[in-house]
N, C-alpha and C. Protein backbone atom coordinates (compact mmCIF):
# COMPACT_ATOMS: atom_id res chain seq x y z
N MET A 1 92.69 124.24 116.64
CA MET A 1 92.16 124.05 115.28
C MET A 1 90.87 123.20 115.24
N LYS A 2 89.82 123.71 114.61
CA LYS A 2 88.60 123.03 114.69
C LYS A 2 88.36 122.27 113.41
N PRO A 3 87.73 121.10 113.37
CA PRO A 3 87.48 120.31 112.23
C PRO A 3 86.48 121.11 111.27
N ILE A 4 86.44 120.78 110.00
CA ILE A 4 85.75 121.41 109.06
C ILE A 4 84.45 120.57 108.66
N VAL A 5 84.86 119.28 108.62
CA VAL A 5 83.68 118.32 108.27
C VAL A 5 83.45 117.45 109.59
N SER A 6 82.32 116.70 109.52
CA SER A 6 82.08 115.92 110.66
C SER A 6 82.89 114.60 110.59
N ALA A 7 82.92 114.07 111.77
CA ALA A 7 83.79 112.83 111.91
C ALA A 7 83.46 111.73 111.06
N MET A 8 82.08 111.44 110.77
CA MET A 8 81.62 110.35 110.05
C MET A 8 82.17 110.67 108.48
N GLN A 9 82.01 112.11 108.18
CA GLN A 9 82.46 112.16 106.69
C GLN A 9 83.87 112.16 106.55
N ALA A 10 84.71 112.49 107.68
CA ALA A 10 86.11 112.54 107.53
C ALA A 10 86.62 110.99 107.32
N TRP A 11 86.06 110.14 108.30
CA TRP A 11 86.58 108.84 108.27
C TRP A 11 85.97 108.07 106.97
N SER A 12 84.95 108.30 106.51
CA SER A 12 84.26 107.80 105.22
C SER A 12 85.13 108.16 103.96
N CYS A 13 85.53 109.46 104.10
CA CYS A 13 86.42 109.86 102.89
C CYS A 13 87.82 109.28 102.98
N PHE A 14 88.25 109.03 104.22
CA PHE A 14 89.48 108.38 104.51
C PHE A 14 89.44 106.93 103.98
N VAL A 15 88.54 106.22 104.30
CA VAL A 15 88.46 104.86 103.74
C VAL A 15 88.28 104.66 102.44
N ILE A 16 87.40 105.58 101.71
CA ILE A 16 87.12 105.53 100.42
C ILE A 16 88.37 105.85 99.64
N SER A 17 89.25 106.88 100.03
CA SER A 17 90.45 107.24 99.59
C SER A 17 91.34 106.20 99.37
N CYS A 18 91.48 105.29 100.58
CA CYS A 18 92.35 104.10 100.66
C CYS A 18 92.13 103.26 99.45
N PHE A 19 90.85 102.87 99.33
CA PHE A 19 90.48 101.85 98.36
C PHE A 19 90.71 102.44 96.97
N ALA A 20 90.33 103.76 96.67
CA ALA A 20 90.63 104.44 95.33
C ALA A 20 92.27 104.31 95.03
N ILE A 21 92.94 104.71 96.02
CA ILE A 21 94.34 104.72 95.75
C ILE A 21 94.94 103.33 95.26
N ILE A 22 94.27 102.38 96.06
CA ILE A 22 94.88 100.91 95.63
C ILE A 22 94.28 100.55 94.30
N ILE A 23 92.87 100.69 93.96
CA ILE A 23 92.46 100.40 92.88
C ILE A 23 92.98 101.12 91.67
N LEU A 24 93.08 102.43 91.70
CA LEU A 24 93.55 103.28 90.64
C LEU A 24 95.09 103.09 90.43
N GLY A 25 95.73 102.80 91.59
CA GLY A 25 97.12 102.50 91.39
C GLY A 25 97.41 101.24 90.60
N THR A 26 96.65 100.30 90.95
CA THR A 26 96.77 98.94 90.20
C THR A 26 96.44 99.23 88.63
N LEU A 27 95.39 99.87 88.40
CA LEU A 27 94.98 100.07 87.01
C LEU A 27 96.14 100.93 86.39
N GLY A 28 96.58 101.90 87.00
CA GLY A 28 97.64 102.77 86.46
C GLY A 28 98.92 101.86 85.95
N LEU A 29 99.34 101.03 87.10
CA LEU A 29 100.39 100.29 86.72
C LEU A 29 100.22 99.21 85.55
N LEU A 30 98.86 98.75 85.42
CA LEU A 30 98.66 97.78 84.39
C LEU A 30 98.71 98.65 82.99
N PHE A 31 98.14 99.79 83.06
CA PHE A 31 98.09 100.58 81.74
C PHE A 31 99.62 100.97 81.36
N LYS A 32 100.46 101.27 82.37
CA LYS A 32 101.82 101.71 82.15
C LYS A 32 102.61 100.42 81.57
N ALA A 33 102.22 99.19 81.91
CA ALA A 33 102.87 98.04 81.51
C ALA A 33 102.27 97.56 80.08
N GLU A 34 101.32 98.32 79.70
CA GLU A 34 100.60 98.08 78.43
C GLU A 34 100.00 96.58 78.42
N HIS A 35 99.30 96.31 79.48
CA HIS A 35 98.65 94.90 79.68
C HIS A 35 97.82 94.72 78.43
N PRO A 36 97.95 93.55 77.75
CA PRO A 36 97.12 93.20 76.58
C PRO A 36 95.53 93.31 76.90
N GLU A 37 95.08 92.98 78.04
CA GLU A 37 93.72 92.98 78.42
C GLU A 37 93.10 94.47 78.38
N LEU A 38 94.00 95.43 78.72
CA LEU A 38 93.47 96.82 78.63
C LEU A 38 93.74 97.41 77.50
N VAL A 39 94.85 97.30 76.65
CA VAL A 39 95.12 97.99 75.56
C VAL A 39 95.25 97.19 74.21
N GLY A 40 94.69 96.04 74.28
CA GLY A 40 94.80 95.07 73.12
C GLY A 40 93.66 94.99 72.25
N GLY A 41 92.47 95.63 72.44
CA GLY A 41 91.37 95.61 71.67
C GLY A 41 91.24 96.64 70.77
N GLU A 42 90.29 96.71 69.82
CA GLU A 42 90.18 97.83 68.73
C GLU A 42 89.60 99.02 69.46
N GLU A 43 88.75 98.93 70.38
CA GLU A 43 88.32 100.23 70.97
C GLU A 43 88.97 100.61 72.28
N ASP A 44 89.99 99.92 72.60
CA ASP A 44 90.77 100.35 73.92
C ASP A 44 91.72 101.48 73.56
N PRO A 45 92.16 102.20 74.62
CA PRO A 45 93.12 103.19 74.23
C PRO A 45 94.63 102.61 73.61
N LYS A 46 95.09 103.38 72.87
CA LYS A 46 96.39 102.99 72.23
C LYS A 46 97.67 103.24 72.88
N ASN A 47 97.39 104.32 73.72
CA ASN A 47 98.62 104.95 74.40
C ASN A 47 98.49 104.70 75.92
N GLY A 48 99.02 103.35 76.29
CA GLY A 48 98.82 103.12 77.71
C GLY A 48 99.56 103.90 78.65
N PRO A 49 100.85 104.30 78.39
CA PRO A 49 101.55 105.20 79.43
C PRO A 49 100.67 106.55 79.53
N GLN A 50 100.16 106.99 78.55
CA GLN A 50 99.62 108.36 78.69
C GLN A 50 98.30 108.30 79.53
N VAL A 51 97.62 107.08 79.37
CA VAL A 51 96.40 106.81 80.19
C VAL A 51 96.99 106.65 81.71
N ALA A 52 97.97 105.86 81.94
CA ALA A 52 98.55 105.70 83.20
C ALA A 52 98.93 107.05 83.83
N ALA A 53 99.50 108.00 83.14
CA ALA A 53 99.84 109.29 83.62
C ALA A 53 98.66 110.06 84.24
N THR A 54 97.63 109.92 83.44
CA THR A 54 96.20 110.47 83.92
C THR A 54 95.68 109.81 85.19
N ILE A 55 95.71 108.49 85.20
CA ILE A 55 95.34 107.79 86.46
C ILE A 55 96.18 108.14 87.66
N PHE A 56 97.47 108.34 87.41
CA PHE A 56 98.37 108.69 88.37
C PHE A 56 97.97 110.17 89.12
N ILE A 57 97.49 110.80 88.20
CA ILE A 57 97.08 112.33 88.60
C ILE A 57 95.95 112.20 89.53
N ALA A 58 94.94 111.13 89.26
CA ALA A 58 93.88 111.00 89.94
C ALA A 58 94.23 110.27 91.33
N VAL A 59 95.38 109.46 91.34
CA VAL A 59 95.81 108.92 92.56
C VAL A 59 96.38 109.92 93.42
N MET A 60 97.07 111.05 92.81
CA MET A 60 97.62 112.13 93.64
C MET A 60 96.55 113.01 94.30
N ILE A 61 95.35 113.05 93.69
CA ILE A 61 94.35 113.97 94.17
C ILE A 61 93.60 113.08 95.34
N TYR A 62 93.55 111.65 95.22
CA TYR A 62 93.03 110.90 96.27
C TYR A 62 94.05 110.88 97.51
N ILE A 63 95.36 111.02 97.32
CA ILE A 63 96.20 111.09 98.41
C ILE A 63 96.04 112.42 99.02
N GLY A 64 95.78 113.48 98.43
CA GLY A 64 95.32 114.71 99.06
C GLY A 64 94.14 114.70 99.84
N PHE A 65 93.13 113.95 99.33
CA PHE A 65 91.92 113.78 100.11
C PHE A 65 92.24 112.87 101.41
N LEU A 66 93.04 111.90 101.09
CA LEU A 66 93.49 110.93 102.27
C LEU A 66 94.04 111.77 103.45
N ILE A 67 95.08 112.64 103.12
CA ILE A 67 95.79 113.30 104.17
C ILE A 67 94.76 114.47 104.64
N PHE A 68 94.01 115.10 104.02
CA PHE A 68 92.91 116.09 104.64
C PHE A 68 91.93 115.46 105.58
N CYS A 69 91.42 114.32 104.92
CA CYS A 69 90.46 113.72 105.92
C CYS A 69 91.10 112.83 106.97
N GLY A 70 92.17 112.46 106.87
CA GLY A 70 92.88 111.77 108.13
C GLY A 70 93.09 112.86 109.14
N ILE A 71 93.47 114.02 108.72
CA ILE A 71 93.81 115.21 109.73
C ILE A 71 92.57 115.64 110.30
N GLN A 72 91.49 115.68 109.57
CA GLN A 72 90.13 116.09 110.11
C GLN A 72 89.68 114.98 111.02
N GLY A 73 89.86 113.68 110.86
CA GLY A 73 89.46 112.63 111.80
C GLY A 73 90.26 112.73 113.10
N LEU A 74 91.60 113.04 112.92
CA LEU A 74 92.50 113.23 114.16
C LEU A 74 92.07 114.38 115.02
N LEU A 75 91.52 115.43 114.22
CA LEU A 75 91.23 116.59 114.97
C LEU A 75 89.75 116.33 115.74
N HIS A 76 88.96 115.51 115.18
CA HIS A 76 87.81 115.09 115.78
C HIS A 76 88.16 114.20 117.15
N MET A 77 89.12 113.36 117.02
CA MET A 77 89.53 112.31 118.05
C MET A 77 90.25 113.33 119.26
N ARG A 78 90.98 114.24 118.87
CA ARG A 78 91.66 115.28 119.84
C ARG A 78 90.53 116.04 120.47
N GLU A 79 89.51 116.44 119.82
CA GLU A 79 88.46 117.31 120.42
C GLU A 79 87.72 116.49 121.29
N SER A 80 87.44 115.18 120.96
CA SER A 80 86.54 114.30 121.84
C SER A 80 87.29 113.96 123.32
N ARG A 81 88.54 113.78 123.26
CA ARG A 81 89.34 113.52 124.30
C ARG A 81 89.49 114.79 125.32
N ARG A 82 89.26 115.98 124.87
CA ARG A 82 89.19 117.00 125.75
C ARG A 82 88.10 117.26 126.56
N GLY A 83 87.01 116.49 126.32
CA GLY A 83 85.73 116.59 127.04
C GLY A 83 84.93 117.68 126.73
N SER A 84 84.93 118.11 125.45
CA SER A 84 84.18 119.24 124.99
C SER A 84 82.53 118.66 124.95
N ILE A 85 81.83 119.62 125.21
CA ILE A 85 80.34 119.33 125.20
C ILE A 85 79.92 119.27 123.91
N SER A 86 79.11 118.25 123.40
CA SER A 86 78.57 118.12 121.99
C SER A 86 77.09 118.21 122.12
N LEU A 87 76.53 119.13 121.34
CA LEU A 87 75.05 119.28 121.41
C LEU A 87 74.32 118.52 120.32
């Protein structure tokens, strides 16, 4: 199986996805718990659990990116070990 994206793009996407999962997961948990700093103001969302559900959907998408880009990075590592000639 050949990689679809370059090694740099694969590993960059992997790292960005890791950070996005951590940050969005934390925000989702705070919205789910209806933390007053996030849902306490006049212009803030009133339904914290619904916002949290939307954020968790984004986390699932980033988990998909993480898996895809991780596999792409591993394919690049496997290809470089075989001694293939790169132009």
